[in-house]
């Protein structure tokens, strides 16, 4: 099985490969197929942007394509940065500047009001450019006042996982081992839901 991930984010690619390749899915990067045209992410929500990226990548390559759009929604900021998570501090996208802006925007906000969630929308498009699956995964937590952990990926160093009933509760996303994070992360949850639906499409694969 081969899927083209319509993303040039190396850390995201590594995370998706780590989750899918042990299950027999070979994940291709854009550079493996000669690159992809830039997609203007102008939809109002994660699902819309993921769908647009999957469709355009599939139409360009004639392959099965998986696209992700994900980000952070902070309660005290009325859901911001949301779909602007990657460029919250402006272009070009920079994790350190985004994190610094988030901390500044939450300056003085007490711990009980620092709730947030990560959201991941995954869209699977067939070679004709039709979205055949669209799933959403979330992970609930709160925003720390200082970075924790060394596995820096986006806002992970500022995100404390707070969902009860998991061994990972009470640790920051950047403190978790990759397998621990995959068990509870927004992307891990979305990918597992997608995997459960893949067999229905395998008969159409070549």
C-alpha atoms as a PDB file:
ATOM      1  CA  UNK A   1       0.000   0.000   0.000  1.00  0.00           C
ATOM      2  CA  UNK A   2       1.267   3.465  -0.886  1.00  0.00           C
ATOM      3  CA  UNK A   3      -0.067   6.836   0.177  1.00  0.00           C
ATOM      4  CA  UNK A   4       1.329  10.203  -0.777  1.00  0.00           C
ATOM      5  CA  UNK A   5       1.345  12.605   2.155  1.00  0.00           C
ATOM      6  CA  UNK A   6       0.657  16.062   0.788  1.00  0.00           C
ATOM      7  CA  UNK A   7       2.929  17.851   3.222  1.00  0.00           C
ATOM      8  CA  UNK A   8       6.488  19.142   3.132  1.00  0.00           C
ATOM      9  CA  UNK A   9       6.732  19.242   6.942  1.00  0.00           C
ATOM     10  CA  UNK A  10       9.539  16.809   7.810  1.00  0.00           C
ATOM     11  CA  UNK A  11       8.430  16.337  11.424  1.00  0.00           C
ATOM     12  CA  UNK A  12       4.829  15.671  10.373  1.00  0.00           C
ATOM     13  CA  UNK A  13       6.041  13.202   7.736  1.00  0.00           C
ATOM     14  CA  UNK A  14       8.129  11.342  10.321  1.00  0.00           C
ATOM     15  CA  UNK A  15       5.171  11.174  12.696  1.00  0.00           C
ATOM     16  CA  UNK A  16       2.796   9.831  10.031  1.00  0.00           C
ATOM     17  CA  UNK A  17       5.353   7.316   8.775  1.00  0.00           C
ATOM     18  CA  UNK A  18       5.941   6.121  12.316  1.00  0.00           C
ATOM     19  CA  UNK A  19       2.242   5.411  12.718  1.00  0.00           C
ATOM     20  CA  UNK A  20       1.422   3.948   9.289  1.00  0.00           C
ATOM     21  CA  UNK A  21       4.516   2.109   8.047  1.00  0.00           C
ATOM     22  CA  UNK A  22       4.469  -0.562  10.803  1.00  0.00           C
ATOM     23  CA  UNK A  23       0.986  -1.381   9.499  1.00  0.00           C
ATOM     24  CA  UNK A  24       2.186  -1.965   5.952  1.00  0.00           C
ATOM     25  CA  UNK A  25       1.459   1.471   4.493  1.00  0.00           C
ATOM     26  CA  UNK A  26       4.348   3.063   2.607  1.00  0.00           C
ATOM     27  CA  UNK A  27       4.129   6.831   3.009  1.00  0.00           C
ATOM     28  CA  UNK A  28       5.604   8.896   0.175  1.00  0.00           C
ATOM     29  CA  UNK A  29       6.754  12.489   0.531  1.00  0.00           C
ATOM     30  CA  UNK A  30       6.171  15.135  -2.151  1.00  0.00           C
ATOM     31  CA  UNK A  31       9.840  14.971  -3.180  1.00  0.00           C
ATOM     32  CA  UNK A  32       9.390  11.264  -3.927  1.00  0.00           C
ATOM     33  CA  UNK A  33       7.012  12.149  -6.760  1.00  0.00           C
ATOM     34  CA  UNK A  34       8.745  15.230  -8.117  1.00  0.00           C
ATOM     35  CA  UNK A  35       7.079  17.744  -5.815  1.00  0.00           C
ATOM     36  CA  UNK A  36       3.606  19.234  -5.524  1.00  0.00           C
ATOM     37  CA  UNK A  37       2.224  22.663  -6.447  1.00  0.00           C
ATOM     38  CA  UNK A  38       1.650  25.041  -3.558  1.00  0.00           C
ATOM     39  CA  UNK A  39      -1.901  24.965  -2.207  1.00  0.00           C
ATOM     40  CA  UNK A  40      -3.512  28.131  -0.871  1.00  0.00           C
ATOM     41  CA  UNK A  41      -5.064  27.124   2.449  1.00  0.00           C
ATOM     42  CA  UNK A  42      -8.039  29.461   2.379  1.00  0.00           C
ATOM     43  CA  UNK A  43     -10.774  27.300   3.881  1.00  0.00           C
ATOM     44  CA  UNK A  44     -12.319  28.364   7.214  1.00  0.00           C
ATOM     45  CA  UNK A  45     -11.691  25.090   9.017  1.00  0.00           C
ATOM     46  CA  UNK A  46      -9.233  22.194   9.256  1.00  0.00           C
ATOM     47  CA  UNK A  47     -11.488  19.789   7.352  1.00  0.00           C
ATOM     48  CA  UNK A  48     -11.799  22.162   4.414  1.00  0.00           C
ATOM     49  CA  UNK A  49      -8.071  22.765   4.133  1.00  0.00           C
ATOM     50  CA  UNK A  50      -7.219  19.063   4.446  1.00  0.00           C
ATOM     51  CA  UNK A  51      -9.747  18.210   1.735  1.00  0.00           C
ATOM     52  CA  UNK A  52      -8.430  20.879  -0.615  1.00  0.00           C
ATOM     53  CA  UNK A  53      -4.839  19.704  -0.214  1.00  0.00           C
ATOM     54  CA  UNK A  54      -5.747  16.048  -0.751  1.00  0.00           C
ATOM     55  CA  UNK A  55      -7.805  16.765  -3.857  1.00  0.00           C
ATOM     56  CA  UNK A  56      -5.187  18.961  -5.527  1.00  0.00           C
ATOM     57  CA  UNK A  57      -2.366  16.506  -4.760  1.00  0.00           C
ATOM     58  CA  UNK A  58      -4.376  13.585  -6.144  1.00  0.00           C
ATOM     59  CA  UNK A  59      -5.326  15.465  -9.288  1.00  0.00           C
ATOM     60  CA  UNK A  60      -1.698  16.459  -9.841  1.00  0.00           C
ATOM     61  CA  UNK A  61      -0.178  13.019  -9.310  1.00  0.00           C
ATOM     62  CA  UNK A  62      -2.937  10.506 -10.065  1.00  0.00           C
ATOM     63  CA  UNK A  63      -2.166   8.822  -6.737  1.00  0.00           C
ATOM     64  CA  UNK A  64      -3.995   8.076  -3.534  1.00  0.00           C
ATOM     65  CA  UNK A  65      -3.220  11.081  -1.366  1.00  0.00           C
ATOM     66  CA  UNK A  66      -3.489  11.809   2.314  1.00  0.00           C
ATOM     67  CA  UNK A  67      -3.571  15.388   3.520  1.00  0.00           C
ATOM     68  CA  UNK A  68      -3.584  16.765   7.010  1.00  0.00           C
ATOM     69  CA  UNK A  69      -4.558  20.104   8.401  1.00  0.00           C
ATOM     70  CA  UNK A  70      -4.035  20.533  12.092  1.00  0.00           C
ATOM     71  CA  UNK A  71      -3.542  23.132  14.739  1.00  0.00           C
ATOM     72  CA  UNK A  72      -4.208  24.415  18.200  1.00  0.00           C
ATOM     73  CA  UNK A  73      -7.431  25.949  19.511  1.00  0.00           C
ATOM     74  CA  UNK A  74      -7.124  27.898  22.769  1.00  0.00           C
ATOM     75  CA  UNK A  75     -10.264  28.537  24.787  1.00  0.00           C
ATOM     76  CA  UNK A  76      -9.224  31.936  26.156  1.00  0.00           C
ATOM     77  CA  UNK A  77      -8.392  33.124  22.624  1.00  0.00           C
ATOM     78  CA  UNK A  78     -11.790  32.151  21.189  1.00  0.00           C
ATOM     79  CA  UNK A  79     -10.278  29.216  19.326  1.00  0.00           C
ATOM     80  CA  UNK A  80      -7.198  30.995  17.995  1.00  0.00           C
ATOM     81  CA  UNK A  81      -4.732  30.348  16.483  1.00  0.00           C
ATOM     82  CA  UNK A  82      -6.888  27.674  14.807  1.00  0.00           C
ATOM     83  CA  UNK A  83      -6.307  27.327  11.065  1.00  0.00           C
ATOM     84  CA  UNK A  84      -3.600  29.988  11.358  1.00  0.00           C
ATOM     85  CA  UNK A  85      -1.556  27.889  13.820  1.00  0.00           C
ATOM     86  CA  UNK A  86       1.432  27.414  11.510  1.00  0.00           C
ATOM     87  CA  UNK A  87       1.683  31.123  10.708  1.00  0.00           C
ATOM     88  CA  UNK A  88       0.368  32.601  13.940  1.00  0.00           C
ATOM     89  CA  UNK A  89       3.376  34.912  14.251  1.00  0.00           C
ATOM     90  CA  UNK A  90       3.482  35.654  10.520  1.00  0.00           C
ATOM     91  CA  UNK A  91       5.372  34.324   7.536  1.00  0.00           C
ATOM     92  CA  UNK A  92       7.592  32.412   7.207  1.00  0.00           C
ATOM     93  CA  UNK A  93       6.265  29.834   9.647  1.00  0.00           C
ATOM     94  CA  UNK A  94       8.474  29.537  12.730  1.00  0.00           C
ATOM     95  CA  UNK A  95       7.702  27.371  15.765  1.00  0.00           C
ATOM     96  CA  UNK A  96       9.711  29.471  18.212  1.00  0.00           C
ATOM     97  CA  UNK A  97       8.028  32.729  17.182  1.00  0.00           C
ATOM     98  CA  UNK A  98       4.590  31.091  17.245  1.00  0.00           C
ATOM     99  CA  UNK A  99       5.177  29.799  20.759  1.00  0.00           C
ATOM    100  CA  UNK A 100       6.461  33.166  21.933  1.00  0.00           C
ATOM    101  CA  UNK A 101       3.366  34.903  20.542  1.00  0.00           C
ATOM    102  CA  UNK A 102       1.069  32.380  22.194  1.00  0.00           C
ATOM    103  CA  UNK A 103       2.696  32.926  25.582  1.00  0.00           C
ATOM    104  CA  UNK A 104       2.458  36.683  25.152  1.00  0.00           C
ATOM    105  CA  UNK A 105      -1.219  36.497  24.172  1.00  0.00           C
ATOM    106  CA  UNK A 106      -1.911  34.412  27.283  1.00  0.00           C
ATOM    107  CA  UNK A 107       0.125  36.568  29.642  1.00  0.00           C
ATOM    108  CA  UNK A 108      -1.791  36.917  32.902  1.00  0.00           C
ATOM    109  CA  UNK A 109      -4.407  34.308  32.020  1.00  0.00           C
ATOM    110  CA  UNK A 110      -4.774  31.989  35.053  1.00  0.00           C
ATOM    111  CA  UNK A 111      -4.274  28.247  34.791  1.00  0.00           C
ATOM    112  CA  UNK A 112      -7.988  27.303  34.911  1.00  0.00           C
ATOM    113  CA  UNK A 113      -8.631  29.416  31.806  1.00  0.00           C
ATOM    114  CA  UNK A 114      -5.700  28.096  29.747  1.00  0.00           C
ATOM    115  CA  UNK A 115      -7.622  25.141  28.318  1.00  0.00           C
ATOM    116  CA  UNK A 116      -6.892  24.144  24.733  1.00  0.00           C
ATOM    117  CA  UNK A 117      -7.144  21.314  22.278  1.00  0.00           C
ATOM    118  CA  UNK A 118      -5.152  20.077  19.331  1.00  0.00           C
ATOM    119  CA  UNK A 119      -7.208  19.224  16.242  1.00  0.00           C
ATOM    120  CA  UNK A 120      -6.217  17.127  13.239  1.00  0.00           C
ATOM    121  CA  UNK A 121      -8.314  16.676  10.110  1.00  0.00           C
ATOM    122  CA  UNK A 122      -7.231  13.965   7.676  1.00  0.00           C
ATOM    123  CA  UNK A 123      -8.594  13.745   4.151  1.00  0.00           C
ATOM    124  CA  UNK A 124      -8.006  10.773   1.858  1.00  0.00           C
ATOM    125  CA  UNK A 125      -8.474  11.380  -1.860  1.00  0.00           C
ATOM    126  CA  UNK A 126      -8.521   8.747  -4.586  1.00  0.00           C
ATOM    127  CA  UNK A 127      -6.468   9.124  -7.796  1.00  0.00           C
ATOM    128  CA  UNK A 128      -9.384  10.898  -9.484  1.00  0.00           C
ATOM    129  CA  UNK A 129      -9.303  13.624  -6.850  1.00  0.00           C
ATOM    130  CA  UNK A 130     -12.394  12.611  -4.880  1.00  0.00           C
ATOM    131  CA  UNK A 131     -12.330  12.794  -1.083  1.00  0.00           C
ATOM    132  CA  UNK A 132     -13.385   9.331   0.044  1.00  0.00           C
ATOM    133  CA  UNK A 133     -12.687   9.692   3.768  1.00  0.00           C
ATOM    134  CA  UNK A 134     -12.521  12.655   6.129  1.00  0.00           C
ATOM    135  CA  UNK A 135     -11.794  12.113   9.819  1.00  0.00           C
ATOM    136  CA  UNK A 136     -11.131  14.363  12.792  1.00  0.00           C
ATOM    137  CA  UNK A 137      -9.019  13.693  15.871  1.00  0.00           C
ATOM    138  CA  UNK A 138      -8.613  15.863  18.974  1.00  0.00           C
ATOM    139  CA  UNK A 139      -6.524  15.912  22.146  1.00  0.00           C
ATOM    140  CA  UNK A 140      -7.438  18.016  25.165  1.00  0.00           C
ATOM    141  CA  UNK A 141      -5.044  19.859  27.471  1.00  0.00           C
ATOM    142  CA  UNK A 142      -3.933  23.264  28.652  1.00  0.00           C
ATOM    143  CA  UNK A 143      -1.234  25.751  27.778  1.00  0.00           C
ATOM    144  CA  UNK A 144       1.767  25.874  30.097  1.00  0.00           C
ATOM    145  CA  UNK A 145       3.444  29.116  31.108  1.00  0.00           C
ATOM    146  CA  UNK A 146       6.881  27.753  30.182  1.00  0.00           C
ATOM    147  CA  UNK A 147       8.093  25.216  27.645  1.00  0.00           C
ATOM    148  CA  UNK A 148       8.627  21.652  28.850  1.00  0.00           C
ATOM    149  CA  UNK A 149      10.298  18.731  27.113  1.00  0.00           C
ATOM    150  CA  UNK A 150      12.810  18.372  24.302  1.00  0.00           C
ATOM    151  CA  UNK A 151      10.724  16.926  21.471  1.00  0.00           C
ATOM    152  CA  UNK A 152       9.823  20.260  19.960  1.00  0.00           C
ATOM    153  CA  UNK A 153       7.182  20.023  17.257  1.00  0.00           C
ATOM    154  CA  UNK A 154       4.987  23.076  16.830  1.00  0.00           C
ATOM    155  CA  UNK A 155       3.215  23.950  20.077  1.00  0.00           C
ATOM    156  CA  UNK A 156       4.070  20.636  21.775  1.00  0.00           C
ATOM    157  CA  UNK A 157       6.459  22.196  24.334  1.00  0.00           C
ATOM    158  CA  UNK A 158       3.604  24.356  25.674  1.00  0.00           C
ATOM    159  CA  UNK A 159       0.843  21.729  25.635  1.00  0.00           C
ATOM    160  CA  UNK A 160       0.105  19.744  28.789  1.00  0.00           C
ATOM    161  CA  UNK A 161      -2.055  16.687  28.136  1.00  0.00           C
ATOM    162  CA  UNK A 162      -4.864  16.620  30.712  1.00  0.00           C
ATOM    163  CA  UNK A 163      -7.335  13.944  29.611  1.00  0.00           C
ATOM    164  CA  UNK A 164      -8.010  11.596  32.506  1.00  0.00           C
ATOM    165  CA  UNK A 165      -7.641   7.851  32.139  1.00  0.00           C
ATOM    166  CA  UNK A 166      -4.331   7.829  30.264  1.00  0.00           C
ATOM    167  CA  UNK A 167      -0.832   7.139  31.634  1.00  0.00           C
ATOM    168  CA  UNK A 168       0.353  10.186  29.678  1.00  0.00           C
ATOM    169  CA  UNK A 169      -1.957  12.583  31.555  1.00  0.00           C
ATOM    170  CA  UNK A 170      -0.064  15.357  33.306  1.00  0.00           C
ATOM    171  CA  UNK A 171       2.891  15.377  30.918  1.00  0.00           C
ATOM    172  CA  UNK A 172       3.628  17.744  28.097  1.00  0.00           C
ATOM    173  CA  UNK A 173       3.465  16.550  24.512  1.00  0.00           C
ATOM    174  CA  UNK A 174       7.157  17.391  24.097  1.00  0.00           C
ATOM    175  CA  UNK A 175       7.957  15.151  27.076  1.00  0.00           C
ATOM    176  CA  UNK A 176       6.354  12.040  25.597  1.00  0.00           C
ATOM    177  CA  UNK A 177       8.131   9.309  23.672  1.00  0.00           C
ATOM    178  CA  UNK A 178       6.853   9.045  20.081  1.00  0.00           C
ATOM    179  CA  UNK A 179       4.815   5.916  20.847  1.00  0.00           C
ATOM    180  CA  UNK A 180       3.299   7.522  23.941  1.00  0.00           C
ATOM    181  CA  UNK A 181       2.323  10.615  22.020  1.00  0.00           C
ATOM    182  CA  UNK A 182       0.879   8.589  19.142  1.00  0.00           C
ATOM    183  CA  UNK A 183      -1.418   6.807  21.601  1.00  0.00           C
ATOM    184  CA  UNK A 184      -3.192  10.017  22.602  1.00  0.00           C
ATOM    185  CA  UNK A 185      -2.362  12.711  20.054  1.00  0.00           C
ATOM    186  CA  UNK A 186      -4.870  14.304  17.723  1.00  0.00           C
ATOM    187  CA  UNK A 187      -3.007  12.967  14.693  1.00  0.00           C
ATOM    188  CA  UNK A 188      -2.638   9.488  16.144  1.00  0.00           C
ATOM    189  CA  UNK A 189      -6.349   9.306  16.897  1.00  0.00           C
ATOM    190  CA  UNK A 190      -7.299  10.544  13.434  1.00  0.00           C
ATOM    191  CA  UNK A 191      -4.934   8.077  11.742  1.00  0.00           C
ATOM    192  CA  UNK A 192      -6.314   5.121  13.677  1.00  0.00           C
ATOM    193  CA  UNK A 193      -9.845   6.067  12.672  1.00  0.00           C
ATOM    194  CA  UNK A 194      -8.712   6.398   9.055  1.00  0.00           C
ATOM    195  CA  UNK A 195      -6.939   3.027   9.133  1.00  0.00           C
ATOM    196  CA  UNK A 196     -10.132   1.333  10.259  1.00  0.00           C
ATOM    197  CA  UNK A 197     -11.796   2.655   7.097  1.00  0.00           C
ATOM    198  CA  UNK A 198      -9.009   1.901   4.607  1.00  0.00           C
ATOM    199  CA  UNK A 199      -9.962  -1.726   3.882  1.00  0.00           C
ATOM    200  CA  UNK A 200     -13.164  -0.549   2.223  1.00  0.00           C
ATOM    201  CA  UNK A 201     -11.050   1.219  -0.400  1.00  0.00           C
ATOM    202  CA  UNK A 202      -8.340  -1.376  -0.970  1.00  0.00           C
ATOM    203  CA  UNK A 203     -10.181  -3.069  -3.807  1.00  0.00           C
ATOM    204  CA  UNK A 204      -9.853   0.149  -5.820  1.00  0.00           C
ATOM    205  CA  UNK A 205      -6.109   0.419  -5.278  1.00  0.00           C
ATOM    206  CA  UNK A 206      -3.518  -0.512  -7.881  1.00  0.00           C
END
